[in-house]
Amino acid sequence: VSAPTQDILNFFFATKSKATNQSRKPWKVRQVIIDTEKNWEEVSNATLKEKNMREKKEQFFIQILQKGGENDSVNQNALLQYRHLPLPRLWKPDPLVQKDVLHFLKMKLVSHLSPDSTSNESINEEMVKNQELQVWDLGSGSGRDLAFLAEELKCHFYNHLSEKEETKASSPCFPFQFVGFDNHKGSSKRCMPFWKHRLVSDVTYSFLFDLNKV
């Protein structure tokens, strides 16, 4: 057993305290990932493989579109759907966000795209084109919850358009904007690269804000 590994074993699984020499319960640790160059290299390679796979599939859709044909609009929607599939995650959002908030926003999105048919149609269409819906996260931290909502709602949005067989020319723009507020000066530096990697930087914004002054 290497020295770093032995230190980890002693820290988490020792049954006796070094400081007091008294017995103690070991930590309930199921897995330990050590910060080594080899591990980071494996993560980097896995990310690169995922990126290459997505690019190959996207090229496949583009080639189909270039050939054209009577199903061109269907293929175009399929490409849009694929481009906005959420990326794999090694993290989980807040349970409330994952279940209740996402469900509410999906309902809001559908009602926004399908206005009440009893209302004036021309006014509703204009509202759909121009109105923006904002989601605020007060104390957004590293921006994971907003990234999750942006990814899932984008996917739901393009699935909805595909079901309605909207063409790119006639389809409305994605109506949501996601805004994170945090008092930590490093929050934006963490959020912005993360959102860019998650392909949602076009709809996410971060602001330095002290909620204690509200």
C-alpha atoms as a PDB file:
ATOM      1  CA  VAL A   1       0.000   0.000   0.000  1.00  0.00           C
ATOM      2  CA  SER A   2       1.429   3.412  -1.019  1.00  0.00           C
ATOM      3  CA  ALA A   3       1.911   6.187   1.564  1.00  0.00           C
ATOM      4  CA  PRO A   4      -1.017   8.404   0.363  1.00  0.00           C
ATOM      5  CA  THR A   5      -3.337   5.376   0.262  1.00  0.00           C
ATOM      6  CA  GLN A   6      -2.297   4.353   3.796  1.00  0.00           C
ATOM      7  CA  ASP A   7      -2.970   7.908   5.032  1.00  0.00           C
ATOM      8  CA  ILE A   8      -6.485   7.734   3.562  1.00  0.00           C
ATOM      9  CA  LEU A   9      -7.110   4.352   5.158  1.00  0.00           C
ATOM     10  CA  ASN A  10      -5.918   5.653   8.525  1.00  0.00           C
ATOM     11  CA  PHE A  11      -8.039   8.807   8.284  1.00  0.00           C
ATOM     12  CA  PHE A  12     -11.329   7.211   7.256  1.00  0.00           C
ATOM     13  CA  PHE A  13     -11.195   3.653   8.556  1.00  0.00           C
ATOM     14  CA  ALA A  14      -9.122   3.746  11.721  1.00  0.00           C
ATOM     15  CA  THR A  15     -10.980   2.378  14.750  1.00  0.00           C
ATOM     16  CA  LYS A  16      -8.810   4.288  17.233  1.00  0.00           C
ATOM     17  CA  SER A  17      -8.116   8.032  17.397  1.00  0.00           C
ATOM     18  CA  LYS A  18      -4.456   9.051  17.038  1.00  0.00           C
ATOM     19  CA  ALA A  19      -4.965  12.163  19.151  1.00  0.00           C
ATOM     20  CA  THR A  20      -6.846  10.661  22.103  1.00  0.00           C
ATOM     21  CA  ASN A  21      -6.090   6.954  21.640  1.00  0.00           C
ATOM     22  CA  GLN A  22      -9.789   6.284  22.200  1.00  0.00           C
ATOM     23  CA  SER A  23     -11.866   3.945  20.071  1.00  0.00           C
ATOM     24  CA  ARG A  24     -14.082   5.500  17.377  1.00  0.00           C
ATOM     25  CA  LYS A  25     -16.402   4.444  14.571  1.00  0.00           C
ATOM     26  CA  PRO A  26     -14.881   4.467  11.085  1.00  0.00           C
ATOM     27  CA  TRP A  27     -16.381   6.715   8.386  1.00  0.00           C
ATOM     28  CA  LYS A  28     -18.994   5.243   6.030  1.00  0.00           C
ATOM     29  CA  VAL A  29     -16.969   5.737   2.843  1.00  0.00           C
ATOM     30  CA  ARG A  30     -17.822   3.586  -0.153  1.00  0.00           C
ATOM     31  CA  GLN A  31     -15.400   5.072  -2.673  1.00  0.00           C
ATOM     32  CA  VAL A  32     -12.306   7.276  -2.619  1.00  0.00           C
ATOM     33  CA  ILE A  33     -10.908   9.107  -5.655  1.00  0.00           C
ATOM     34  CA  ILE A  34      -7.334  10.274  -5.180  1.00  0.00           C
ATOM     35  CA  ASP A  35      -6.235  13.545  -6.826  1.00  0.00           C
ATOM     36  CA  THR A  36      -3.509  12.229  -9.133  1.00  0.00           C
ATOM     37  CA  GLU A  37      -2.309  13.140 -12.632  1.00  0.00           C
ATOM     38  CA  LYS A  38      -3.347   9.701 -13.874  1.00  0.00           C
ATOM     39  CA  ASN A  39      -6.949  10.161 -12.717  1.00  0.00           C
ATOM     40  CA  TRP A  40      -7.195  13.617 -14.271  1.00  0.00           C
ATOM     41  CA  GLU A  41      -5.771  12.204 -17.517  1.00  0.00           C
ATOM     42  CA  GLU A  42      -8.470   9.499 -17.543  1.00  0.00           C
ATOM     43  CA  VAL A  43     -11.191  12.116 -16.982  1.00  0.00           C
ATOM     44  CA  SER A  44      -9.772  14.246 -19.785  1.00  0.00           C
ATOM     45  CA  ASN A  45      -9.676  11.272 -22.180  1.00  0.00           C
ATOM     46  CA  ALA A  46     -13.259  10.278 -21.306  1.00  0.00           C
ATOM     47  CA  THR A  47     -14.454  13.855 -21.896  1.00  0.00           C
ATOM     48  CA  LEU A  48     -12.643  13.971 -25.242  1.00  0.00           C
ATOM     49  CA  LYS A  49     -14.200  10.643 -26.332  1.00  0.00           C
ATOM     50  CA  GLU A  50     -17.674  11.913 -25.408  1.00  0.00           C
ATOM     51  CA  LYS A  51     -17.077  15.133 -27.358  1.00  0.00           C
ATOM     52  CA  ASN A  52     -15.822  13.230 -30.430  1.00  0.00           C
ATOM     53  CA  MET A  53     -18.809  10.868 -30.306  1.00  0.00           C
ATOM     54  CA  ARG A  54     -21.260  13.780 -30.180  1.00  0.00           C
ATOM     55  CA  GLU A  55     -19.487  15.514 -33.082  1.00  0.00           C
ATOM     56  CA  LYS A  56     -19.628  12.351 -35.215  1.00  0.00           C
ATOM     57  CA  LYS A  57     -23.358  11.920 -34.577  1.00  0.00           C
ATOM     58  CA  GLU A  58     -23.942  15.589 -35.367  1.00  0.00           C
ATOM     59  CA  GLN A  59     -22.044  15.235 -38.643  1.00  0.00           C
ATOM     60  CA  PHE A  60     -24.266  12.284 -39.491  1.00  0.00           C
ATOM     61  CA  PHE A  61     -27.379  14.456 -39.101  1.00  0.00           C
ATOM     62  CA  ILE A  62     -25.781  17.276 -41.117  1.00  0.00           C
ATOM     63  CA  GLN A  63     -24.986  14.880 -43.973  1.00  0.00           C
ATOM     64  CA  ILE A  64     -28.626  13.775 -44.032  1.00  0.00           C
ATOM     65  CA  LEU A  65     -29.743  17.410 -44.164  1.00  0.00           C
ATOM     66  CA  GLN A  66     -27.334  18.192 -47.000  1.00  0.00           C
ATOM     67  CA  LYS A  67     -28.911  15.434 -49.081  1.00  0.00           C
ATOM     68  CA  GLY A  68     -32.290  17.155 -48.610  1.00  0.00           C
ATOM     69  CA  GLY A  69     -35.516  15.457 -49.549  1.00  0.00           C
ATOM     70  CA  GLU A  70     -39.117  15.474 -48.454  1.00  0.00           C
ATOM     71  CA  ASN A  71     -38.238  14.751 -44.806  1.00  0.00           C
ATOM     72  CA  ASP A  72     -35.793  17.674 -44.594  1.00  0.00           C
ATOM     73  CA  SER A  73     -37.737  19.550 -41.879  1.00  0.00           C
ATOM     74  CA  VAL A  74     -38.057  16.327 -39.844  1.00  0.00           C
ATOM     75  CA  ASN A  75     -34.296  15.735 -40.032  1.00  0.00           C
ATOM     76  CA  GLN A  76     -33.648  19.358 -39.111  1.00  0.00           C
ATOM     77  CA  ASN A  77     -35.744  18.981 -35.978  1.00  0.00           C
ATOM     78  CA  ALA A  78     -33.946  15.719 -35.160  1.00  0.00           C
ATOM     79  CA  LEU A  79     -30.607  17.555 -35.370  1.00  0.00           C
ATOM     80  CA  LEU A  80     -31.878  20.341 -33.098  1.00  0.00           C
ATOM     81  CA  GLN A  81     -33.137  17.763 -30.603  1.00  0.00           C
ATOM     82  CA  TYR A  82     -29.791  15.960 -30.590  1.00  0.00           C
ATOM     83  CA  ARG A  83     -27.777  19.156 -30.178  1.00  0.00           C
ATOM     84  CA  HIS A  84     -29.710  19.994 -27.022  1.00  0.00           C
ATOM     85  CA  LEU A  85     -29.606  16.622 -25.291  1.00  0.00           C
ATOM     86  CA  PRO A  86     -28.204  17.107 -21.760  1.00  0.00           C
ATOM     87  CA  LEU A  87     -24.573  16.075 -21.357  1.00  0.00           C
ATOM     88  CA  PRO A  88     -23.666  13.247 -18.935  1.00  0.00           C
ATOM     89  CA  ARG A  89     -23.423  14.414 -15.307  1.00  0.00           C
ATOM     90  CA  LEU A  90     -21.115  13.465 -12.447  1.00  0.00           C
ATOM     91  CA  TRP A  91     -23.230  15.598 -10.099  1.00  0.00           C
ATOM     92  CA  LYS A  92     -26.837  15.978  -9.010  1.00  0.00           C
ATOM     93  CA  PRO A  93     -28.922  19.136  -8.662  1.00  0.00           C
ATOM     94  CA  ASP A  94     -30.856  19.992  -5.521  1.00  0.00           C
ATOM     95  CA  PRO A  95     -33.747  17.470  -5.133  1.00  0.00           C
ATOM     96  CA  LEU A  96     -36.323  20.283  -5.036  1.00  0.00           C
ATOM     97  CA  VAL A  97     -34.920  21.697  -8.289  1.00  0.00           C
ATOM     98  CA  GLN A  98     -34.732  18.262  -9.910  1.00  0.00           C
ATOM     99  CA  LYS A  99     -38.334  17.370  -9.179  1.00  0.00           C
ATOM    100  CA  ASP A 100     -40.700  20.217  -8.307  1.00  0.00           C
ATOM    101  CA  VAL A 101     -39.037  23.267  -9.873  1.00  0.00           C
ATOM    102  CA  LEU A 102     -38.284  21.493 -13.171  1.00  0.00           C
ATOM    103  CA  HIS A 103     -41.845  20.131 -13.373  1.00  0.00           C
ATOM    104  CA  PHE A 104     -43.313  23.608 -12.766  1.00  0.00           C
ATOM    105  CA  LEU A 105     -41.051  25.225 -15.389  1.00  0.00           C
ATOM    106  CA  LYS A 106     -41.877  22.542 -17.980  1.00  0.00           C
ATOM    107  CA  MET A 107     -45.567  23.296 -17.479  1.00  0.00           C
ATOM    108  CA  LYS A 108     -44.821  27.018 -17.765  1.00  0.00           C
ATOM    109  CA  LEU A 109     -42.886  26.422 -20.988  1.00  0.00           C
ATOM    110  CA  VAL A 110     -45.677  24.408 -22.613  1.00  0.00           C
ATOM    111  CA  SER A 111     -48.337  26.963 -21.648  1.00  0.00           C
ATOM    112  CA  HIS A 112     -46.058  29.718 -22.995  1.00  0.00           C
ATOM    113  CA  LEU A 113     -45.687  27.956 -26.349  1.00  0.00           C
ATOM    114  CA  SER A 114     -49.360  26.989 -26.567  1.00  0.00           C
ATOM    115  CA  PRO A 115     -51.357  30.092 -25.541  1.00  0.00           C
ATOM    116  CA  ASP A 116     -55.032  29.902 -24.679  1.00  0.00           C
ATOM    117  CA  SER A 117     -56.916  29.387 -27.939  1.00  0.00           C
ATOM    118  CA  THR A 118     -59.823  31.514 -26.670  1.00  0.00           C
ATOM    119  CA  SER A 119     -57.606  34.613 -26.578  1.00  0.00           C
ATOM    120  CA  ASN A 120     -56.708  36.827 -29.511  1.00  0.00           C
ATOM    121  CA  GLU A 121     -54.381  34.684 -31.633  1.00  0.00           C
ATOM    122  CA  SER A 122     -52.272  37.492 -33.117  1.00  0.00           C
ATOM    123  CA  ILE A 123     -51.562  38.979 -29.672  1.00  0.00           C
ATOM    124  CA  ASN A 124     -50.578  35.577 -28.280  1.00  0.00           C
ATOM    125  CA  GLU A 125     -48.187  34.883 -31.160  1.00  0.00           C
ATOM    126  CA  GLU A 126     -46.531  38.267 -30.611  1.00  0.00           C
ATOM    127  CA  MET A 127     -46.169  37.551 -26.902  1.00  0.00           C
ATOM    128  CA  VAL A 128     -44.554  34.169 -27.598  1.00  0.00           C
ATOM    129  CA  LYS A 129     -42.021  35.766 -29.932  1.00  0.00           C
ATOM    130  CA  ASN A 130     -41.039  38.646 -27.636  1.00  0.00           C
ATOM    131  CA  GLN A 131     -41.601  37.579 -24.034  1.00  0.00           C
ATOM    132  CA  GLU A 132     -38.665  36.288 -21.999  1.00  0.00           C
ATOM    133  CA  LEU A 133     -39.082  34.159 -18.893  1.00  0.00           C
ATOM    134  CA  GLN A 134     -36.409  34.512 -16.211  1.00  0.00           C
ATOM    135  CA  VAL A 135     -35.374  31.996 -13.557  1.00  0.00           C
ATOM    136  CA  TRP A 136     -33.410  33.484 -10.654  1.00  0.00           C
ATOM    137  CA  ASP A 137     -31.187  31.470  -8.322  1.00  0.00           C
ATOM    138  CA  LEU A 138     -30.388  33.479  -5.170  1.00  0.00           C
ATOM    139  CA  GLY A 139     -27.110  32.115  -3.824  1.00  0.00           C
ATOM    140  CA  SER A 140     -26.284  30.234  -7.031  1.00  0.00           C
ATOM    141  CA  GLY A 141     -22.801  29.059  -5.962  1.00  0.00           C
ATOM    142  CA  SER A 142     -21.120  27.157  -8.793  1.00  0.00           C
ATOM    143  CA  GLY A 143     -24.258  27.321 -10.959  1.00  0.00           C
ATOM    144  CA  ARG A 144     -25.081  23.617 -11.147  1.00  0.00           C
ATOM    145  CA  ASP A 145     -28.813  23.988 -10.454  1.00  0.00           C
ATOM    146  CA  LEU A 146     -29.177  26.620 -13.175  1.00  0.00           C
ATOM    147  CA  ALA A 147     -27.155  24.491 -15.601  1.00  0.00           C
ATOM    148  CA  PHE A 148     -29.443  21.534 -14.895  1.00  0.00           C
ATOM    149  CA  LEU A 149     -32.607  23.579 -15.483  1.00  0.00           C
ATOM    150  CA  ALA A 150     -31.227  25.192 -18.644  1.00  0.00           C
ATOM    151  CA  GLU A 151     -30.220  21.815 -20.132  1.00  0.00           C
ATOM    152  CA  GLU A 152     -33.451  20.032 -19.276  1.00  0.00           C
ATOM    153  CA  LEU A 153     -35.719  22.867 -20.436  1.00  0.00           C
ATOM    154  CA  LYS A 154     -33.806  23.314 -23.695  1.00  0.00           C
ATOM    155  CA  CYS A 155     -34.239  19.603 -24.383  1.00  0.00           C
ATOM    156  CA  HIS A 156     -37.944  19.792 -23.496  1.00  0.00           C
ATOM    157  CA  PHE A 157     -38.352  22.889 -25.694  1.00  0.00           C
ATOM    158  CA  TYR A 158     -36.890  21.280 -28.826  1.00  0.00           C
ATOM    159  CA  ASN A 159     -38.777  18.044 -28.216  1.00  0.00           C
ATOM    160  CA  HIS A 160     -41.972  20.089 -28.058  1.00  0.00           C
ATOM    161  CA  LEU A 161     -41.159  21.862 -31.346  1.00  0.00           C
ATOM    162  CA  SER A 162     -40.394  18.541 -32.994  1.00  0.00           C
ATOM    163  CA  GLU A 163     -43.751  17.120 -31.919  1.00  0.00           C
ATOM    164  CA  LYS A 164     -45.480  20.163 -33.396  1.00  0.00           C
ATOM    165  CA  GLU A 165     -43.298  19.794 -36.554  1.00  0.00           C
ATOM    166  CA  GLU A 166     -42.226  23.438 -36.411  1.00  0.00           C
ATOM    167  CA  THR A 167     -39.665  24.506 -39.031  1.00  0.00           C
ATOM    168  CA  LYS A 168     -36.638  26.550 -38.009  1.00  0.00           C
ATOM    169  CA  ALA A 169     -38.027  29.618 -39.781  1.00  0.00           C
ATOM    170  CA  SER A 170     -41.392  29.556 -37.994  1.00  0.00           C
ATOM    171  CA  SER A 171     -40.399  28.210 -34.574  1.00  0.00           C
ATOM    172  CA  PRO A 172     -40.147  30.597 -31.574  1.00  0.00           C
ATOM    173  CA  CYS A 173     -36.882  31.202 -29.740  1.00  0.00           C
ATOM    174  CA  PHE A 174     -36.133  29.489 -26.445  1.00  0.00           C
ATOM    175  CA  PRO A 175     -37.872  31.840 -23.997  1.00  0.00           C
ATOM    176  CA  PHE A 176     -35.973  31.211 -20.750  1.00  0.00           C
ATOM    177  CA  GLN A 177     -33.047  33.094 -19.238  1.00  0.00           C
ATOM    178  CA  PHE A 178     -31.313  31.753 -16.116  1.00  0.00           C
ATOM    179  CA  VAL A 179     -29.772  34.285 -13.735  1.00  0.00           C
ATOM    180  CA  GLY A 180     -27.533  33.448 -10.797  1.00  0.00           C
ATOM    181  CA  PHE A 181     -26.898  35.865  -7.903  1.00  0.00           C
ATOM    182  CA  ASP A 182     -24.148  35.213  -5.377  1.00  0.00           C
ATOM    183  CA  ASN A 183     -22.162  37.257  -2.847  1.00  0.00           C
ATOM    184  CA  HIS A 184     -18.961  35.243  -3.425  1.00  0.00           C
ATOM    185  CA  LYS A 185     -16.504  37.068  -5.696  1.00  0.00           C
ATOM    186  CA  GLY A 186     -15.345  33.780  -7.237  1.00  0.00           C
ATOM    187  CA  SER A 187     -18.835  32.592  -8.149  1.00  0.00           C
ATOM    188  CA  SER A 188     -18.841  34.000 -11.698  1.00  0.00           C
ATOM    189  CA  LYS A 189     -15.365  32.583 -12.353  1.00  0.00           C
ATOM    190  CA  ARG A 190     -16.695  29.120 -11.517  1.00  0.00           C
ATOM    191  CA  CYS A 191     -20.083  29.491 -13.202  1.00  0.00           C
ATOM    192  CA  MET A 192     -19.126  30.911 -16.589  1.00  0.00           C
ATOM    193  CA  PRO A 193     -16.640  28.193 -17.713  1.00  0.00           C
ATOM    194  CA  PHE A 194     -18.958  25.517 -16.309  1.00  0.00           C
ATOM    195  CA  TRP A 195     -21.978  26.845 -18.224  1.00  0.00           C
ATOM    196  CA  LYS A 196     -19.890  27.131 -21.383  1.00  0.00           C
ATOM    197  CA  HIS A 197     -18.821  23.492 -21.052  1.00  0.00           C
ATOM    198  CA  ARG A 198     -22.448  22.467 -20.478  1.00  0.00           C
ATOM    199  CA  LEU A 199     -23.490  24.344 -23.672  1.00  0.00           C
ATOM    200  CA  VAL A 200     -25.899  26.695 -21.887  1.00  0.00           C
ATOM    201  CA  SER A 201     -23.785  29.881 -21.748  1.00  0.00           C
ATOM    202  CA  ASP A 202     -26.147  31.541 -24.263  1.00  0.00           C
ATOM    203  CA  VAL A 203     -29.001  31.570 -21.727  1.00  0.00           C
ATOM    204  CA  THR A 204     -27.184  31.855 -18.353  1.00  0.00           C
ATOM    205  CA  TYR A 205     -25.967  34.954 -16.512  1.00  0.00           C
ATOM    206  CA  SER A 206     -24.109  35.507 -13.238  1.00  0.00           C
ATOM    207  CA  PHE A 207     -24.107  38.613 -11.015  1.00  0.00           C
ATOM    208  CA  LEU A 208     -22.262  39.540  -7.827  1.00  0.00           C
ATOM    209  CA  PHE A 209     -24.946  40.547  -5.328  1.00  0.00           C
ATOM    210  CA  ASP A 210     -25.198  40.814  -1.531  1.00  0.00           C
ATOM    211  CA  LEU A 211     -28.680  39.631  -0.513  1.00  0.00           C
ATOM    212  CA  ASN A 212     -28.142  41.043   2.995  1.00  0.00           C
ATOM    213  CA  LYS A 213     -28.489  44.545   1.526  1.00  0.00           C
ATOM    214  CA  VAL A 214     -31.940  43.877   0.062  1.00  0.00           C
END
